[in-house]
Amino acid sequence: MSIHNTLFTLCCVSLLSVGCGEVPEPSELQQNMTLAESARSEDLNSAPDAESQNKNNPSSYGCDPRFGSTGLTRIDMTAYPTYSQRETWCSVGTVLPVGCYFGRHVVYQTIKSSRCNKPVAGSCYVPSAEWEVTCNTWVECRYNCDGDCIQNIC
């Protein structure tokens, strides 16, 4: 081992000893763990009882703090439009206005996937050809106590 490697190793061991201090004896370690456990149980016993907490605050009984508030959640929506309707596929929030579509209040959409479902005369690009279109759809929702945003029905 070179002198450089030896000095580097000694330096690291010295820094570890200074930074970490002595290694406690097993009996000291056991005593410190017992003290920590008793302090933790005192903290639990001194917690306020349920009656003293604000019962109107959902978070006081373990409910998600967003409970009852509105939000947005992304869902997949699939429809079977004709090729002639392609300009409006998945276009709520851009071409089509925000509103109620298929029983959900839709705020915004983008195309996730599309495929020709029923060609007409062998072509998918005839105006009356049917396509299967799936949209990434952001819909309004309301948070429940578990923190899930449940879709609003319209």
C-alpha atoms as a PDB file:
ATOM      1  CA  MET A   1       0.000   0.000   0.000  1.00  0.00           C
ATOM      2  CA  SER A   2       1.501   3.405  -0.934  1.00  0.00           C
ATOM      3  CA  ILE A   3       2.059   6.164   1.580  1.00  0.00           C
ATOM      4  CA  HIS A   4      -0.620   8.230  -0.173  1.00  0.00           C
ATOM      5  CA  ASN A   5      -3.268   5.500   0.261  1.00  0.00           C
ATOM      6  CA  THR A   6      -2.255   4.968   3.879  1.00  0.00           C
ATOM      7  CA  LEU A   7      -2.552   8.703   4.686  1.00  0.00           C
ATOM      8  CA  PHE A   8      -5.911   8.919   2.914  1.00  0.00           C
ATOM      9  CA  THR A   9      -7.265   5.937   4.876  1.00  0.00           C
ATOM     10  CA  LEU A  10      -6.029   7.357   8.210  1.00  0.00           C
ATOM     11  CA  CYS A  11      -7.547  10.735   7.391  1.00  0.00           C
ATOM     12  CA  CYS A  12     -10.951   9.179   6.609  1.00  0.00           C
ATOM     13  CA  VAL A  13     -10.915   7.077   9.796  1.00  0.00           C
ATOM     14  CA  SER A  14      -9.997  10.172  11.828  1.00  0.00           C
ATOM     15  CA  LEU A  15     -12.810  12.201  10.288  1.00  0.00           C
ATOM     16  CA  LEU A  16     -15.303   9.423  10.960  1.00  0.00           C
ATOM     17  CA  SER A  17     -14.193   9.189  14.585  1.00  0.00           C
ATOM     18  CA  VAL A  18     -14.421  12.965  15.093  1.00  0.00           C
ATOM     19  CA  GLY A  19     -17.694  13.308  13.178  1.00  0.00           C
ATOM     20  CA  CYS A  20     -19.429  10.350  14.726  1.00  0.00           C
ATOM     21  CA  GLY A  21     -17.917  10.278  18.219  1.00  0.00           C
ATOM     22  CA  GLU A  22     -17.384   7.080  20.123  1.00  0.00           C
ATOM     23  CA  VAL A  23     -19.442   4.014  19.408  1.00  0.00           C
ATOM     24  CA  PRO A  24     -21.817   3.534  22.377  1.00  0.00           C
ATOM     25  CA  GLU A  25     -21.636   0.391  24.421  1.00  0.00           C
ATOM     26  CA  PRO A  26     -24.619  -1.970  23.987  1.00  0.00           C
ATOM     27  CA  SER A  27     -25.896  -1.135  27.502  1.00  0.00           C
ATOM     28  CA  GLU A  28     -25.842   2.623  26.731  1.00  0.00           C
ATOM     29  CA  LEU A  29     -27.638   2.010  23.458  1.00  0.00           C
ATOM     30  CA  GLN A  30     -30.367  -0.009  25.217  1.00  0.00           C
ATOM     31  CA  GLN A  31     -30.802   2.716  27.869  1.00  0.00           C
ATOM     32  CA  ASN A  32     -31.102   5.464  25.208  1.00  0.00           C
ATOM     33  CA  MET A  33     -33.718   3.451  23.318  1.00  0.00           C
ATOM     34  CA  THR A  34     -35.739   2.956  26.524  1.00  0.00           C
ATOM     35  CA  LEU A  35     -35.632   6.708  27.263  1.00  0.00           C
ATOM     36  CA  ALA A  36     -36.765   7.509  23.721  1.00  0.00           C
ATOM     37  CA  GLU A  37     -39.683   5.062  23.963  1.00  0.00           C
ATOM     38  CA  SER A  38     -40.886   6.525  27.272  1.00  0.00           C
ATOM     39  CA  ALA A  39     -40.698  10.092  25.878  1.00  0.00           C
ATOM     40  CA  ARG A  40     -42.728   9.030  22.840  1.00  0.00           C
ATOM     41  CA  SER A  41     -45.443   7.411  25.001  1.00  0.00           C
ATOM     42  CA  GLU A  42     -45.677  10.610  27.094  1.00  0.00           C
ATOM     43  CA  ASP A  43     -46.210  12.619  23.883  1.00  0.00           C
ATOM     44  CA  LEU A  44     -49.031  10.269  22.841  1.00  0.00           C
ATOM     45  CA  ASN A  45     -50.691  10.500  26.265  1.00  0.00           C
ATOM     46  CA  SER A  46     -50.557  14.304  26.279  1.00  0.00           C
ATOM     47  CA  ALA A  47     -52.325  14.639  22.873  1.00  0.00           C
ATOM     48  CA  PRO A  48     -55.642  16.539  23.033  1.00  0.00           C
ATOM     49  CA  ASP A  49     -58.762  14.397  23.166  1.00  0.00           C
ATOM     50  CA  ALA A  50     -61.215  14.220  20.264  1.00  0.00           C
ATOM     51  CA  GLU A  51     -63.768  16.447  21.989  1.00  0.00           C
ATOM     52  CA  SER A  52     -61.350  19.356  22.254  1.00  0.00           C
ATOM     53  CA  GLN A  53     -60.614  19.276  18.507  1.00  0.00           C
ATOM     54  CA  ASN A  54     -62.694  21.242  16.022  1.00  0.00           C
ATOM     55  CA  LYS A  55     -65.332  18.761  14.813  1.00  0.00           C
ATOM     56  CA  ASN A  56     -66.147  20.937  11.778  1.00  0.00           C
ATOM     57  CA  ASN A  57     -62.616  20.525  10.445  1.00  0.00           C
ATOM     58  CA  PRO A  58     -62.459  17.305   8.337  1.00  0.00           C
ATOM     59  CA  SER A  59     -58.713  16.959   8.925  1.00  0.00           C
ATOM     60  CA  SER A  60     -59.351  16.638  12.675  1.00  0.00           C
ATOM     61  CA  TYR A  61     -60.908  13.215  12.130  1.00  0.00           C
ATOM     62  CA  GLY A  62     -58.513  11.955   9.493  1.00  0.00           C
ATOM     63  CA  CYS A  63     -60.288  13.300   6.433  1.00  0.00           C
ATOM     64  CA  ASP A  64     -58.335  14.627   3.436  1.00  0.00           C
ATOM     65  CA  PRO A  65     -57.931  18.413   3.767  1.00  0.00           C
ATOM     66  CA  ARG A  66     -59.302  18.868   0.218  1.00  0.00           C
ATOM     67  CA  PHE A  67     -62.593  17.181   1.228  1.00  0.00           C
ATOM     68  CA  GLY A  68     -65.552  18.861  -0.477  1.00  0.00           C
ATOM     69  CA  SER A  69     -63.459  21.077  -2.737  1.00  0.00           C
ATOM     70  CA  THR A  70     -63.605  20.843  -6.522  1.00  0.00           C
ATOM     71  CA  GLY A  71     -60.770  19.771  -8.751  1.00  0.00           C
ATOM     72  CA  LEU A  72     -59.985  18.127 -12.071  1.00  0.00           C
ATOM     73  CA  THR A  73     -59.272  14.496 -12.821  1.00  0.00           C
ATOM     74  CA  ARG A  74     -58.180  12.890 -16.075  1.00  0.00           C
ATOM     75  CA  ILE A  75     -60.227  10.057 -17.506  1.00  0.00           C
ATOM     76  CA  ASP A  76     -60.376   8.260 -20.841  1.00  0.00           C
ATOM     77  CA  MET A  77     -63.518   8.873 -22.892  1.00  0.00           C
ATOM     78  CA  THR A  78     -64.197   6.783 -25.982  1.00  0.00           C
ATOM     79  CA  ALA A  79     -66.657   7.653 -28.741  1.00  0.00           C
ATOM     80  CA  TYR A  80     -67.437   6.391 -32.246  1.00  0.00           C
ATOM     81  CA  PRO A  81     -67.674   9.453 -34.493  1.00  0.00           C
ATOM     82  CA  THR A  82     -67.564   9.552 -38.265  1.00  0.00           C
ATOM     83  CA  TYR A  83     -64.547  10.697 -40.207  1.00  0.00           C
ATOM     84  CA  SER A  84     -66.442  13.855 -41.192  1.00  0.00           C
ATOM     85  CA  GLN A  85     -66.406  14.870 -37.496  1.00  0.00           C
ATOM     86  CA  ARG A  86     -62.603  14.599 -37.221  1.00  0.00           C
ATOM     87  CA  GLU A  87     -62.162  18.358 -36.654  1.00  0.00           C
ATOM     88  CA  THR A  88     -63.992  18.036 -33.351  1.00  0.00           C
ATOM     89  CA  TRP A  89     -62.473  14.766 -32.101  1.00  0.00           C
ATOM     90  CA  CYS A  90     -61.185  15.367 -28.565  1.00  0.00           C
ATOM     91  CA  SER A  91     -61.404  19.132 -28.930  1.00  0.00           C
ATOM     92  CA  VAL A  92     -63.365  20.271 -25.864  1.00  0.00           C
ATOM     93  CA  GLY A  93     -61.677  23.382 -24.565  1.00  0.00           C
ATOM     94  CA  THR A  94     -60.292  24.334 -27.979  1.00  0.00           C
ATOM     95  CA  VAL A  95     -62.785  23.828 -30.859  1.00  0.00           C
ATOM     96  CA  LEU A  96     -65.765  22.707 -28.775  1.00  0.00           C
ATOM     97  CA  PRO A  97     -66.857  24.718 -25.717  1.00  0.00           C
ATOM     98  CA  VAL A  98     -66.342  23.502 -22.168  1.00  0.00           C
ATOM     99  CA  GLY A  99     -69.526  21.803 -21.018  1.00  0.00           C
ATOM    100  CA  CYS A 100     -71.441  18.630 -20.294  1.00  0.00           C
ATOM    101  CA  TYR A 101     -70.546  15.738 -22.593  1.00  0.00           C
ATOM    102  CA  PHE A 102     -71.528  12.110 -21.988  1.00  0.00           C
ATOM    103  CA  GLY A 103     -72.729  12.979 -18.482  1.00  0.00           C
ATOM    104  CA  ARG A 104     -69.459  14.603 -17.319  1.00  0.00           C
ATOM    105  CA  HIS A 105     -68.482  18.251 -17.114  1.00  0.00           C
ATOM    106  CA  VAL A 106     -65.536  18.272 -19.540  1.00  0.00           C
ATOM    107  CA  VAL A 107     -62.960  21.051 -19.281  1.00  0.00           C
ATOM    108  CA  TYR A 108     -60.269  19.954 -21.766  1.00  0.00           C
ATOM    109  CA  GLN A 109     -59.379  17.068 -24.098  1.00  0.00           C
ATOM    110  CA  THR A 110     -56.534  15.722 -26.217  1.00  0.00           C
ATOM    111  CA  ILE A 111     -56.474  12.663 -28.487  1.00  0.00           C
ATOM    112  CA  LYS A 112     -55.093   9.556 -26.824  1.00  0.00           C
ATOM    113  CA  SER A 113     -55.769   7.111 -29.672  1.00  0.00           C
ATOM    114  CA  SER A 114     -57.883   6.638 -32.790  1.00  0.00           C
ATOM    115  CA  ARG A 115     -58.487   3.777 -35.184  1.00  0.00           C
ATOM    116  CA  CYS A 116     -60.796   3.069 -38.045  1.00  0.00           C
ATOM    117  CA  ASN A 117     -63.711   1.027 -36.723  1.00  0.00           C
ATOM    118  CA  LYS A 118     -66.000   0.651 -39.776  1.00  0.00           C
ATOM    119  CA  PRO A 119     -64.647   1.560 -43.208  1.00  0.00           C
ATOM    120  CA  VAL A 120     -67.095   2.493 -45.964  1.00  0.00           C
ATOM    121  CA  ALA A 121     -66.441   0.946 -49.398  1.00  0.00           C
ATOM    122  CA  GLY A 122     -63.023  -0.155 -48.142  1.00  0.00           C
ATOM    123  CA  SER A 123     -61.936   3.317 -47.054  1.00  0.00           C
ATOM    124  CA  CYS A 124     -61.655   4.851 -43.612  1.00  0.00           C
ATOM    125  CA  TYR A 125     -61.466   8.350 -45.080  1.00  0.00           C
ATOM    126  CA  VAL A 126     -64.976   8.528 -46.508  1.00  0.00           C
ATOM    127  CA  PRO A 127     -67.028  11.052 -44.479  1.00  0.00           C
ATOM    128  CA  SER A 128     -69.382   8.340 -43.176  1.00  0.00           C
ATOM    129  CA  ALA A 129     -66.611   5.924 -42.036  1.00  0.00           C
ATOM    130  CA  GLU A 130     -66.781   5.238 -38.321  1.00  0.00           C
ATOM    131  CA  TRP A 131     -63.742   5.647 -36.067  1.00  0.00           C
ATOM    132  CA  GLU A 132     -63.077   4.644 -32.475  1.00  0.00           C
ATOM    133  CA  VAL A 133     -61.571   7.662 -30.741  1.00  0.00           C
ATOM    134  CA  THR A 134     -60.291   7.743 -27.167  1.00  0.00           C
ATOM    135  CA  CYS A 135     -59.610  11.084 -25.556  1.00  0.00           C
ATOM    136  CA  ASN A 136     -57.553  12.112 -22.535  1.00  0.00           C
ATOM    137  CA  THR A 137     -60.303  14.083 -20.836  1.00  0.00           C
ATOM    138  CA  TRP A 138     -60.061  16.440 -17.874  1.00  0.00           C
ATOM    139  CA  VAL A 139     -63.374  16.530 -16.028  1.00  0.00           C
ATOM    140  CA  GLU A 140     -64.564  18.390 -12.950  1.00  0.00           C
ATOM    141  CA  CYS A 141     -64.625  16.393  -9.743  1.00  0.00           C
ATOM    142  CA  ARG A 142     -65.123  16.797  -6.001  1.00  0.00           C
ATOM    143  CA  TYR A 143     -62.729  15.394  -3.362  1.00  0.00           C
ATOM    144  CA  ASN A 144     -64.058  12.852  -0.903  1.00  0.00           C
ATOM    145  CA  CYS A 145     -62.719  12.136   2.564  1.00  0.00           C
ATOM    146  CA  ASP A 146     -60.206   9.607   1.207  1.00  0.00           C
ATOM    147  CA  GLY A 147     -58.676  12.204  -1.130  1.00  0.00           C
ATOM    148  CA  ASP A 148     -60.184  10.702  -4.289  1.00  0.00           C
ATOM    149  CA  CYS A 149     -61.592  13.208  -6.752  1.00  0.00           C
ATOM    150  CA  ILE A 150     -65.003  11.804  -7.778  1.00  0.00           C
ATOM    151  CA  GLN A 151     -66.302  12.922 -11.176  1.00  0.00           C
ATOM    152  CA  ASN A 152     -69.214  15.377 -11.156  1.00  0.00           C
ATOM    153  CA  ILE A 153     -72.270  14.124 -13.032  1.00  0.00           C
ATOM    154  CA  CYS A 154     -74.190  16.574 -15.189  1.00  0.00           C
END
